[in-house]
Amino acid sequence: MRTIALNDGHTIPAVGFGVFLIPADGSTYTAVKEALAAGYRHIDTAQAYFNEAEVGRAIADSGIPREEIYVTTKLWLQDYAYDLAVKGINSSLERLGLDYIDLLLLHQPYGEVEQAWKALEEAQTAGKIKSIGVSNMTPTLWQRYVPHFNTVPAVNQVELHPYSQQKELRALLAKDKVIVEAWGPLGQGNKELLSDPAVVKLAKKYGKDVGQIILRFENQEGIVVLPKSTKPERIKSNLNIFDFELTPSELEELRALDTGKGAHDPDAPGVGEYLLSNYDIHADD
C-alpha cells in the first residue's frame, strides 16, 4: 500500500476503505474483513455511521497487527462542546476497542468547533490520537476557524471527484501541506460521471474499469481516496490502481471535467443547524 506524508510527521495510506451507510447488522464487519483480506490497510468510519464497533471487531479478528492498520473516525458536531468532545473521543476508542486512533476528524465545521479542536489537540498530546484533522471545510470555513487553532489540521476530508475537484481549496491547503481526502471519490455512483467519454476512453486504453481510472486520477493528484463497496469484486478492483499511470495529457483531460460544484455545499445557509437538529447520534443511548 502506498502512503502519503502528512504535515505532522506521520503517513497515511493513499487508499482507504469507507464504511458510510454500511449497516451495523454484521454487514460492516463482513465488508471490513473482506477489505482487509484484499489488502486495504486504512479503514474510515465515524460516530455518525453507527458502525465503529463492527469496524473494531473486524480489525481484532483479522489477524493483522494493529500497527499495520490505519483507522480514521470522526467526532459528530453534537459533541463539540469541550467536555462532550473529551467524552466522545474516549467513547470512540471504547467502541473501536483500540488504544489509539490514527486519525480523528471533526466531521462537520459548525458549532463549537474551537472547543472540539482543543479536545483533539489534547488527546493527540496524550497519545490517544496520532493525527487530527477536519472534514467538509470549504475555503470560507477554513479561514473562519483554522487561524484560531494552535495546530494546523493534517487532513481535510471533503467531497471530491472529477466533476468537483476542489481546486481552490487544494491550493489553499497546499500552503500548509494539508492532505485532502476524497469522500465520494466516484461521485457516489453518478451515472453521468461513470459514463463520461473521457473516462470510458481511458478505461478501454488501460484495460481497467471506469472506477479504477477515476481513483487513479485522484491518486496521481495527491488525493487520499476512500471508495466504498460491499461487493467483494469491487472492493478488490478499487484497490488495484497502481499497475498503470495516466500521462500528463490524460491528467489534463480529466482535470477539464471539473464543474466546480459538488452535491453538498457546506457553505449553504442553515446546514449546521439542520445537521444538529436532524441527526442525534445519542438517540438510542
C-alpha atoms as a PDB file:
ATOM      1  CA  MET A   1       0.000   0.000   0.000  1.00  0.00           C
ATOM      2  CA  ARG A   2       1.404   3.378  -0.989  1.00  0.00           C
ATOM      3  CA  THR A   3       1.424   6.116   1.629  1.00  0.00           C
ATOM      4  CA  ILE A   4       1.329   9.917   1.633  1.00  0.00           C
ATOM      5  CA  ALA A   5       3.240  12.093   4.120  1.00  0.00           C
ATOM      6  CA  LEU A   6       1.232  14.272   6.491  1.00  0.00           C
ATOM      7  CA  ASN A   7       2.361  17.633   7.856  1.00  0.00           C
ATOM      8  CA  ASP A   8       2.675  16.196  11.386  1.00  0.00           C
ATOM      9  CA  GLY A   9       5.350  13.641  10.526  1.00  0.00           C
ATOM     10  CA  HIS A  10       3.017  10.660  10.149  1.00  0.00           C
ATOM     11  CA  THR A  11       1.993   8.939   6.915  1.00  0.00           C
ATOM     12  CA  ILE A  12      -1.427   7.847   5.656  1.00  0.00           C
ATOM     13  CA  PRO A  13      -2.280   5.036   3.221  1.00  0.00           C
ATOM     14  CA  ALA A  14      -3.228   6.501  -0.159  1.00  0.00           C
ATOM     15  CA  VAL A  15      -6.360   4.343  -0.464  1.00  0.00           C
ATOM     16  CA  GLY A  16      -8.802   3.725   2.361  1.00  0.00           C
ATOM     17  CA  PHE A  17     -11.977   1.702   2.724  1.00  0.00           C
ATOM     18  CA  GLY A  18     -15.037   3.787   3.595  1.00  0.00           C
ATOM     19  CA  VAL A  19     -17.968   2.357   5.553  1.00  0.00           C
ATOM     20  CA  PHE A  20     -20.520   5.172   5.228  1.00  0.00           C
ATOM     21  CA  LEU A  21     -24.087   3.780   5.023  1.00  0.00           C
ATOM     22  CA  ILE A  22     -22.981   0.195   5.581  1.00  0.00           C
ATOM     23  CA  PRO A  23     -25.356  -1.099   8.306  1.00  0.00           C
ATOM     24  CA  ALA A  24     -24.172  -2.341  11.683  1.00  0.00           C
ATOM     25  CA  ASP A  25     -26.066  -5.615  11.257  1.00  0.00           C
ATOM     26  CA  GLY A  26     -22.961  -7.643  10.507  1.00  0.00           C
ATOM     27  CA  SER A  27     -22.576  -6.037   7.076  1.00  0.00           C
ATOM     28  CA  THR A  28     -19.850  -3.633   8.222  1.00  0.00           C
ATOM     29  CA  TYR A  29     -17.954  -6.432   9.959  1.00  0.00           C
ATOM     30  CA  THR A  30     -18.074  -8.565   6.803  1.00  0.00           C
ATOM     31  CA  ALA A  31     -17.108  -5.710   4.473  1.00  0.00           C
ATOM     32  CA  VAL A  32     -14.159  -4.615   6.611  1.00  0.00           C
ATOM     33  CA  LYS A  33     -12.908  -8.211   6.941  1.00  0.00           C
ATOM     34  CA  GLU A  34     -13.202  -8.513   3.139  1.00  0.00           C
ATOM     35  CA  ALA A  35     -11.332  -5.232   2.620  1.00  0.00           C
ATOM     36  CA  LEU A  36      -8.506  -6.159   4.977  1.00  0.00           C
ATOM     37  CA  ALA A  37      -8.175  -9.553   3.282  1.00  0.00           C
ATOM     38  CA  ALA A  38      -7.992  -7.791  -0.098  1.00  0.00           C
ATOM     39  CA  GLY A  39      -5.064  -5.657   1.093  1.00  0.00           C
ATOM     40  CA  TYR A  40      -6.616  -2.454   2.446  1.00  0.00           C
ATOM     41  CA  ARG A  41      -4.811  -1.094   5.484  1.00  0.00           C
ATOM     42  CA  HIS A  42      -6.872   2.049   6.012  1.00  0.00           C
ATOM     43  CA  ILE A  43     -10.449   1.986   7.340  1.00  0.00           C
ATOM     44  CA  ASP A  44     -12.548   5.167   7.511  1.00  0.00           C
ATOM     45  CA  THR A  45     -15.552   5.261   9.847  1.00  0.00           C
ATOM     46  CA  ALA A  46     -17.361   7.849  12.014  1.00  0.00           C
ATOM     47  CA  GLN A  47     -19.501   8.088  15.117  1.00  0.00           C
ATOM     48  CA  ALA A  48     -22.414   9.153  12.916  1.00  0.00           C
ATOM     49  CA  TYR A  49     -22.077   5.973  10.824  1.00  0.00           C
ATOM     50  CA  PHE A  50     -23.049   3.915  13.910  1.00  0.00           C
ATOM     51  CA  ASN A  51     -20.694   1.093  12.915  1.00  0.00           C
ATOM     52  CA  GLU A  52     -17.462   1.771  14.846  1.00  0.00           C
ATOM     53  CA  ALA A  53     -17.926  -1.358  16.979  1.00  0.00           C
ATOM     54  CA  GLU A  54     -18.155  -3.635  13.929  1.00  0.00           C
ATOM     55  CA  VAL A  55     -15.091  -1.966  12.413  1.00  0.00           C
ATOM     56  CA  GLY A  56     -13.214  -2.646  15.639  1.00  0.00           C
ATOM     57  CA  ARG A  57     -14.299  -6.289  15.785  1.00  0.00           C
ATOM     58  CA  ALA A  58     -13.274  -6.865  12.165  1.00  0.00           C
ATOM     59  CA  ILE A  59      -9.846  -5.399  12.864  1.00  0.00           C
ATOM     60  CA  ALA A  60      -9.435  -7.500  16.002  1.00  0.00           C
ATOM     61  CA  ASP A  61     -10.468 -10.669  14.162  1.00  0.00           C
ATOM     62  CA  SER A  62      -8.347 -10.015  11.061  1.00  0.00           C
ATOM     63  CA  GLY A  63      -5.116 -11.381  12.497  1.00  0.00           C
ATOM     64  CA  ILE A  64      -3.300  -8.322  11.148  1.00  0.00           C
ATOM     65  CA  PRO A  65      -1.107  -6.458  13.678  1.00  0.00           C
ATOM     66  CA  ARG A  66      -2.826  -3.288  14.915  1.00  0.00           C
ATOM     67  CA  GLU A  67       0.088  -1.057  13.905  1.00  0.00           C
ATOM     68  CA  GLU A  68      -0.359  -2.130  10.268  1.00  0.00           C
ATOM     69  CA  ILE A  69      -3.964  -0.862  10.089  1.00  0.00           C
ATOM     70  CA  TYR A  70      -4.725   2.854   9.824  1.00  0.00           C
ATOM     71  CA  VAL A  71      -8.029   3.755  11.474  1.00  0.00           C
ATOM     72  CA  THR A  72      -9.942   7.004  10.970  1.00  0.00           C
ATOM     73  CA  THR A  73     -13.068   8.054  12.798  1.00  0.00           C
ATOM     74  CA  LYS A  74     -14.920  11.349  13.214  1.00  0.00           C
ATOM     75  CA  LEU A  75     -16.439  13.298  16.084  1.00  0.00           C
ATOM     76  CA  TRP A  76     -20.031  14.429  15.486  1.00  0.00           C
ATOM     77  CA  LEU A  77     -20.894  18.118  15.948  1.00  0.00           C
ATOM     78  CA  GLN A  78     -23.431  17.295  18.656  1.00  0.00           C
ATOM     79  CA  ASP A  79     -20.399  16.618  20.897  1.00  0.00           C
ATOM     80  CA  TYR A  80     -18.220  19.616  20.079  1.00  0.00           C
ATOM     81  CA  ALA A  81     -18.516  21.347  23.464  1.00  0.00           C
ATOM     82  CA  TYR A  82     -15.191  20.604  25.175  1.00  0.00           C
ATOM     83  CA  ASP A  83     -16.386  18.182  27.889  1.00  0.00           C
ATOM     84  CA  LEU A  84     -18.572  16.299  25.416  1.00  0.00           C
ATOM     85  CA  ALA A  85     -15.708  16.132  22.909  1.00  0.00           C
ATOM     86  CA  VAL A  86     -13.402  14.573  25.522  1.00  0.00           C
ATOM     87  CA  LYS A  87     -16.099  12.023  26.322  1.00  0.00           C
ATOM     88  CA  GLY A  88     -16.765  11.420  22.611  1.00  0.00           C
ATOM     89  CA  ILE A  89     -13.112  10.668  21.865  1.00  0.00           C
ATOM     90  CA  ASN A  90     -12.999   8.121  24.680  1.00  0.00           C
ATOM     91  CA  SER A  91     -16.286   6.590  23.503  1.00  0.00           C
ATOM     92  CA  SER A  92     -14.880   6.050  20.010  1.00  0.00           C
ATOM     93  CA  LEU A  93     -11.787   4.374  21.433  1.00  0.00           C
ATOM     94  CA  GLU A  94     -14.011   2.101  23.502  1.00  0.00           C
ATOM     95  CA  ARG A  95     -16.339   1.178  20.624  1.00  0.00           C
ATOM     96  CA  LEU A  96     -13.409   0.525  18.302  1.00  0.00           C
ATOM     97  CA  GLY A  97     -11.625  -1.463  21.001  1.00  0.00           C
ATOM     98  CA  LEU A  98      -8.381   0.422  20.321  1.00  0.00           C
ATOM     99  CA  ASP A  99      -5.696   2.056  22.451  1.00  0.00           C
ATOM    100  CA  TYR A 100      -5.253   4.841  19.909  1.00  0.00           C
ATOM    101  CA  ILE A 101      -6.870   6.227  16.758  1.00  0.00           C
ATOM    102  CA  ASP A 102      -4.635   7.023  13.788  1.00  0.00           C
ATOM    103  CA  LEU A 103      -6.729   9.956  12.553  1.00  0.00           C
ATOM    104  CA  LEU A 104      -9.651  11.699  14.198  1.00  0.00           C
ATOM    105  CA  LEU A 105     -11.598  14.336  12.283  1.00  0.00           C
ATOM    106  CA  LEU A 106     -14.188  16.935  13.199  1.00  0.00           C
ATOM    107  CA  HIS A 107     -16.975  15.621  10.978  1.00  0.00           C
ATOM    108  CA  GLN A 108     -18.784  18.917  10.317  1.00  0.00           C
ATOM    109  CA  PRO A 109     -17.465  22.506  10.582  1.00  0.00           C
ATOM    110  CA  TYR A 110     -20.265  24.081  12.635  1.00  0.00           C
ATOM    111  CA  GLY A 111     -20.985  24.892  16.260  1.00  0.00           C
ATOM    112  CA  GLU A 112     -18.320  24.732  18.981  1.00  0.00           C
ATOM    113  CA  VAL A 113     -15.547  23.875  16.527  1.00  0.00           C
ATOM    114  CA  GLU A 114     -12.731  25.529  18.508  1.00  0.00           C
ATOM    115  CA  GLN A 115     -13.646  23.713  21.734  1.00  0.00           C
ATOM    116  CA  ALA A 116     -13.720  20.371  19.932  1.00  0.00           C
ATOM    117  CA  TRP A 117     -10.393  21.097  18.278  1.00  0.00           C
ATOM    118  CA  LYS A 118      -8.825  21.823  21.672  1.00  0.00           C
ATOM    119  CA  ALA A 119     -10.040  18.409  22.875  1.00  0.00           C
ATOM    120  CA  LEU A 120      -8.498  16.750  19.803  1.00  0.00           C
ATOM    121  CA  GLU A 121      -5.179  18.544  20.363  1.00  0.00           C
ATOM    122  CA  GLU A 122      -5.077  17.392  23.979  1.00  0.00           C
ATOM    123  CA  ALA A 123      -5.942  13.816  23.033  1.00  0.00           C
ATOM    124  CA  GLN A 124      -3.167  13.891  20.453  1.00  0.00           C
ATOM    125  CA  THR A 125      -0.676  15.095  23.083  1.00  0.00           C
ATOM    126  CA  ALA A 126      -1.869  12.296  25.390  1.00  0.00           C
ATOM    127  CA  GLY A 127      -1.216   9.691  22.678  1.00  0.00           C
ATOM    128  CA  LYS A 128      -4.877   8.754  22.163  1.00  0.00           C
ATOM    129  CA  ILE A 129      -4.808  10.110  18.590  1.00  0.00           C
ATOM    130  CA  LYS A 130      -1.853  10.222  16.196  1.00  0.00           C
ATOM    131  CA  SER A 131      -3.161  12.777  13.696  1.00  0.00           C
ATOM    132  CA  ILE A 132      -6.043  15.248  13.817  1.00  0.00           C
ATOM    133  CA  GLY A 133      -7.997  16.874  11.034  1.00  0.00           C
ATOM    134  CA  VAL A 134     -11.285  18.261   9.793  1.00  0.00           C
ATOM    135  CA  SER A 135     -13.942  17.381   7.261  1.00  0.00           C
ATOM    136  CA  ASN A 136     -16.231  19.315   4.908  1.00  0.00           C
ATOM    137  CA  MET A 137     -14.320  22.575   5.317  1.00  0.00           C
ATOM    138  CA  THR A 138     -14.580  24.924   2.344  1.00  0.00           C
ATOM    139  CA  PRO A 139     -12.084  27.780   1.894  1.00  0.00           C
ATOM    140  CA  THR A 140     -14.548  30.071   3.699  1.00  0.00           C
ATOM    141  CA  LEU A 141     -14.991  27.734   6.657  1.00  0.00           C
ATOM    142  CA  TRP A 142     -11.261  27.006   6.781  1.00  0.00           C
ATOM    143  CA  GLN A 143     -10.461  30.718   7.055  1.00  0.00           C
ATOM    144  CA  ARG A 144     -13.135  31.151   9.721  1.00  0.00           C
ATOM    145  CA  TYR A 145     -11.816  28.501  12.096  1.00  0.00           C
ATOM    146  CA  VAL A 146      -8.287  27.298  11.400  1.00  0.00           C
ATOM    147  CA  PRO A 147      -6.484  30.613  12.113  1.00  0.00           C
ATOM    148  CA  HIS A 148      -7.754  30.212  15.706  1.00  0.00           C
ATOM    149  CA  PHE A 149      -6.347  26.693  16.096  1.00  0.00           C
ATOM    150  CA  ASN A 150      -2.984  26.097  17.798  1.00  0.00           C
ATOM    151  CA  THR A 151      -2.347  23.164  15.453  1.00  0.00           C
ATOM    152  CA  VAL A 152      -2.870  23.114  11.686  1.00  0.00           C
ATOM    153  CA  PRO A 153      -5.042  20.131  10.652  1.00  0.00           C
ATOM    154  CA  ALA A 154      -3.203  17.294   8.918  1.00  0.00           C
ATOM    155  CA  VAL A 155      -6.198  16.409   6.746  1.00  0.00           C
ATOM    156  CA  ASN A 156      -9.387  17.898   5.331  1.00  0.00           C
ATOM    157  CA  GLN A 157     -11.846  15.262   4.091  1.00  0.00           C
ATOM    158  CA  VAL A 158     -14.270  16.680   1.519  1.00  0.00           C
ATOM    159  CA  GLU A 159     -16.458  15.683  -1.400  1.00  0.00           C
ATOM    160  CA  LEU A 160     -14.082  15.286  -4.347  1.00  0.00           C
ATOM    161  CA  HIS A 161     -14.359  13.576  -7.723  1.00  0.00           C
ATOM    162  CA  PRO A 162     -13.634  14.578 -11.351  1.00  0.00           C
ATOM    163  CA  TYR A 163     -16.759  16.766 -11.547  1.00  0.00           C
ATOM    164  CA  SER A 164     -15.893  18.518  -8.253  1.00  0.00           C
ATOM    165  CA  GLN A 165     -12.128  18.776  -7.922  1.00  0.00           C
ATOM    166  CA  GLN A 166     -11.894  21.380  -5.120  1.00  0.00           C
ATOM    167  CA  LYS A 167      -9.137  23.300  -6.892  1.00  0.00           C
ATOM    168  CA  GLU A 168      -9.439  26.498  -4.835  1.00  0.00           C
ATOM    169  CA  LEU A 169      -9.458  24.556  -1.580  1.00  0.00           C
ATOM    170  CA  ARG A 170      -6.497  22.399  -2.594  1.00  0.00           C
ATOM    171  CA  ALA A 171      -4.442  25.471  -3.469  1.00  0.00           C
ATOM    172  CA  LEU A 172      -5.216  26.959  -0.055  1.00  0.00           C
ATOM    173  CA  LEU A 173      -4.362  23.782   1.844  1.00  0.00           C
ATOM    174  CA  ALA A 174      -1.149  23.169  -0.088  1.00  0.00           C
ATOM    175  CA  LYS A 175       0.425  26.163   1.679  1.00  0.00           C
ATOM    176  CA  ASP A 176       0.349  24.209   4.946  1.00  0.00           C
ATOM    177  CA  LYS A 177       0.881  20.781   3.357  1.00  0.00           C
ATOM    178  CA  VAL A 178      -2.604  19.691   4.406  1.00  0.00           C
ATOM    179  CA  ILE A 179      -3.677  16.485   2.673  1.00  0.00           C
ATOM    180  CA  VAL A 180      -7.087  16.314   1.025  1.00  0.00           C
ATOM    181  CA  GLU A 181      -9.119  13.127   1.393  1.00  0.00           C
ATOM    182  CA  ALA A 182     -11.966  12.412  -1.018  1.00  0.00           C
ATOM    183  CA  TRP A 183     -15.282  11.161   0.223  1.00  0.00           C
ATOM    184  CA  GLY A 184     -17.460  10.098  -2.669  1.00  0.00           C
ATOM    185  CA  PRO A 185     -14.375   9.745  -4.922  1.00  0.00           C
ATOM    186  CA  LEU A 186     -16.508   8.009  -7.575  1.00  0.00           C
ATOM    187  CA  GLY A 187     -19.206  10.676  -7.479  1.00  0.00           C
ATOM    188  CA  GLN A 188     -21.432   8.486  -5.294  1.00  0.00           C
ATOM    189  CA  GLY A 189     -22.427   6.415  -8.305  1.00  0.00           C
ATOM    190  CA  ASN A 190     -23.091   9.407 -10.583  1.00  0.00           C
ATOM    191  CA  LYS A 191     -24.070   7.703 -13.856  1.00  0.00           C
ATOM    192  CA  GLU A 192     -23.024  10.699 -15.943  1.00  0.00           C
ATOM    193  CA  LEU A 193     -19.524  10.617 -14.458  1.00  0.00           C
ATOM    194  CA  LEU A 194     -19.192   6.846 -14.776  1.00  0.00           C
ATOM    195  CA  SER A 195     -20.158   7.023 -18.449  1.00  0.00           C
ATOM    196  CA  ASP A 196     -18.224  10.188 -19.295  1.00  0.00           C
ATOM    197  CA  PRO A 197     -16.470   9.664 -22.657  1.00  0.00           C
ATOM    198  CA  ALA A 198     -13.122  10.906 -21.329  1.00  0.00           C
ATOM    199  CA  VAL A 199     -13.179   8.311 -18.553  1.00  0.00           C
ATOM    200  CA  VAL A 200     -14.550   5.476 -20.721  1.00  0.00           C
ATOM    201  CA  LYS A 201     -11.845   6.077 -23.349  1.00  0.00           C
ATOM    202  CA  LEU A 202      -9.083   5.706 -20.763  1.00  0.00           C
ATOM    203  CA  ALA A 203     -10.699   2.621 -19.256  1.00  0.00           C
ATOM    204  CA  LYS A 204     -10.588   0.942 -22.677  1.00  0.00           C
ATOM    205  CA  LYS A 205      -6.980   2.013 -23.259  1.00  0.00           C
ATOM    206  CA  TYR A 206      -5.682   0.654 -19.960  1.00  0.00           C
ATOM    207  CA  GLY A 207      -7.975  -2.358 -19.643  1.00  0.00           C
ATOM    208  CA  LYS A 208      -9.437  -1.013 -16.417  1.00  0.00           C
ATOM    209  CA  ASP A 209     -12.946  -0.207 -15.234  1.00  0.00           C
ATOM    210  CA  VAL A 210     -14.047   3.426 -15.071  1.00  0.00           C
ATOM    211  CA  GLY A 211     -13.838   3.430 -11.276  1.00  0.00           C
ATOM    212  CA  GLN A 212     -10.176   2.470 -11.396  1.00  0.00           C
ATOM    213  CA  ILE A 213      -9.445   5.282 -13.863  1.00  0.00           C
ATOM    214  CA  ILE A 214     -11.133   7.839 -11.613  1.00  0.00           C
ATOM    215  CA  LEU A 215      -9.384   6.612  -8.468  1.00  0.00           C
ATOM    216  CA  ARG A 216      -6.002   6.533 -10.208  1.00  0.00           C
ATOM    217  CA  PHE A 217      -6.537  10.095 -11.437  1.00  0.00           C
ATOM    218  CA  GLU A 218      -7.275  11.281  -7.915  1.00  0.00           C
ATOM    219  CA  ASN A 219      -4.340   9.308  -6.550  1.00  0.00           C
ATOM    220  CA  GLN A 220      -1.959  10.907  -9.047  1.00  0.00           C
ATOM    221  CA  GLU A 221      -3.321  14.298  -7.973  1.00  0.00           C
ATOM    222  CA  GLY A 222      -2.130  13.561  -4.422  1.00  0.00           C
ATOM    223  CA  ILE A 223      -5.595  12.878  -3.004  1.00  0.00           C
ATOM    224  CA  VAL A 224      -6.309  10.120  -0.462  1.00  0.00           C
ATOM    225  CA  VAL A 225      -9.313   8.209  -1.805  1.00  0.00           C
ATOM    226  CA  LEU A 226     -11.944   6.392   0.264  1.00  0.00           C
ATOM    227  CA  PRO A 227     -14.038   4.212  -2.059  1.00  0.00           C
ATOM    228  CA  LYS A 228     -16.856   2.196  -0.509  1.00  0.00           C
ATOM    229  CA  SER A 229     -18.419  -1.063  -1.627  1.00  0.00           C
ATOM    230  CA  THR A 230     -19.889  -4.209  -0.123  1.00  0.00           C
ATOM    231  CA  LYS A 231     -19.228  -6.274  -3.257  1.00  0.00           C
ATOM    232  CA  PRO A 232     -16.039  -8.391  -2.915  1.00  0.00           C
ATOM    233  CA  GLU A 233     -15.042  -7.955  -6.556  1.00  0.00           C
ATOM    234  CA  ARG A 234     -15.492  -4.173  -6.363  1.00  0.00           C
ATOM    235  CA  ILE A 235     -13.623  -3.969  -3.059  1.00  0.00           C
ATOM    236  CA  LYS A 236     -10.660  -5.655  -4.764  1.00  0.00           C
ATOM    237  CA  SER A 237     -10.801  -3.668  -8.011  1.00  0.00           C
ATOM    238  CA  ASN A 238     -10.914  -0.308  -6.210  1.00  0.00           C
ATOM    239  CA  LEU A 239      -7.540  -1.139  -4.677  1.00  0.00           C
ATOM    240  CA  ASN A 240      -5.989  -2.364  -7.924  1.00  0.00           C
ATOM    241  CA  ILE A 241      -4.967   1.033  -9.310  1.00  0.00           C
ATOM    242  CA  PHE A 242      -1.189   1.092  -9.041  1.00  0.00           C
ATOM    243  CA  ASP A 243      -0.175  -1.009 -12.048  1.00  0.00           C
ATOM    244  CA  PHE A 244      -0.681   1.790 -14.592  1.00  0.00           C
ATOM    245  CA  GLU A 245      -0.094   5.530 -14.771  1.00  0.00           C
ATOM    246  CA  LEU A 246      -2.041   8.237 -16.566  1.00  0.00           C
ATOM    247  CA  THR A 247       0.031  10.512 -18.779  1.00  0.00           C
ATOM    248  CA  PRO A 248       0.288  14.293 -18.220  1.00  0.00           C
ATOM    249  CA  SER A 249      -2.065  14.946 -21.152  1.00  0.00           C
ATOM    250  CA  GLU A 250      -4.581  12.416 -19.818  1.00  0.00           C
ATOM    251  CA  LEU A 251      -4.467  14.080 -16.411  1.00  0.00           C
ATOM    252  CA  GLU A 252      -5.228  17.394 -18.124  1.00  0.00           C
ATOM    253  CA  GLU A 253      -8.194  15.839 -19.925  1.00  0.00           C
ATOM    254  CA  LEU A 254      -9.648  14.679 -16.621  1.00  0.00           C
ATOM    255  CA  ARG A 255      -8.910  17.987 -14.892  1.00  0.00           C
ATOM    256  CA  ALA A 256     -11.021  19.630 -17.591  1.00  0.00           C
ATOM    257  CA  LEU A 257     -14.096  17.701 -16.380  1.00  0.00           C
ATOM    258  CA  ASP A 258     -14.300  19.866 -13.245  1.00  0.00           C
ATOM    259  CA  THR A 259     -17.566  21.795 -12.869  1.00  0.00           C
ATOM    260  CA  GLY A 260     -16.550  23.434  -9.597  1.00  0.00           C
ATOM    261  CA  LYS A 261     -19.709  22.166  -7.916  1.00  0.00           C
ATOM    262  CA  GLY A 262     -20.496  19.150  -5.785  1.00  0.00           C
ATOM    263  CA  ALA A 263     -23.678  17.587  -4.466  1.00  0.00           C
ATOM    264  CA  HIS A 264     -23.058  19.000  -0.988  1.00  0.00           C
ATOM    265  CA  ASP A 265     -22.484  22.695  -0.230  1.00  0.00           C
ATOM    266  CA  PRO A 266     -21.154  23.180   3.318  1.00  0.00           C
ATOM    267  CA  ASP A 267     -21.422  26.974   2.883  1.00  0.00           C
ATOM    268  CA  ALA A 268     -25.193  26.883   2.269  1.00  0.00           C
ATOM    269  CA  PRO A 269     -27.228  28.714   4.930  1.00  0.00           C
ATOM    270  CA  GLY A 270     -28.606  26.545   7.707  1.00  0.00           C
ATOM    271  CA  VAL A 271     -26.574  23.384   7.037  1.00  0.00           C
ATOM    272  CA  GLY A 272     -25.130  23.259  10.549  1.00  0.00           C
ATOM    273  CA  GLU A 273     -28.497  23.847  12.189  1.00  0.00           C
ATOM    274  CA  TYR A 274     -30.103  21.175  10.024  1.00  0.00           C
ATOM    275  CA  LEU A 275     -27.469  18.569  10.855  1.00  0.00           C
ATOM    276  CA  LEU A 276     -27.612  19.342  14.565  1.00  0.00           C
ATOM    277  CA  SER A 277     -31.386  19.101  14.756  1.00  0.00           C
ATOM    278  CA  ASN A 278     -31.872  16.105  12.463  1.00  0.00           C
ATOM    279  CA  TYR A 279     -29.011  13.763  13.377  1.00  0.00           C
ATOM    280  CA  ASP A 280     -28.905  12.736  17.020  1.00  0.00           C
ATOM    281  CA  ILE A 281     -26.165  10.128  17.482  1.00  0.00           C
ATOM    282  CA  HIS A 282     -27.253   9.532  21.081  1.00  0.00           C
ATOM    283  CA  ALA A 283     -30.948   8.920  20.344  1.00  0.00           C
ATOM    284  CA  ASP A 284     -30.724   5.254  21.336  1.00  0.00           C
ATOM    285  CA  ASP A 285     -28.447   5.718  24.354  1.00  0.00           C
END
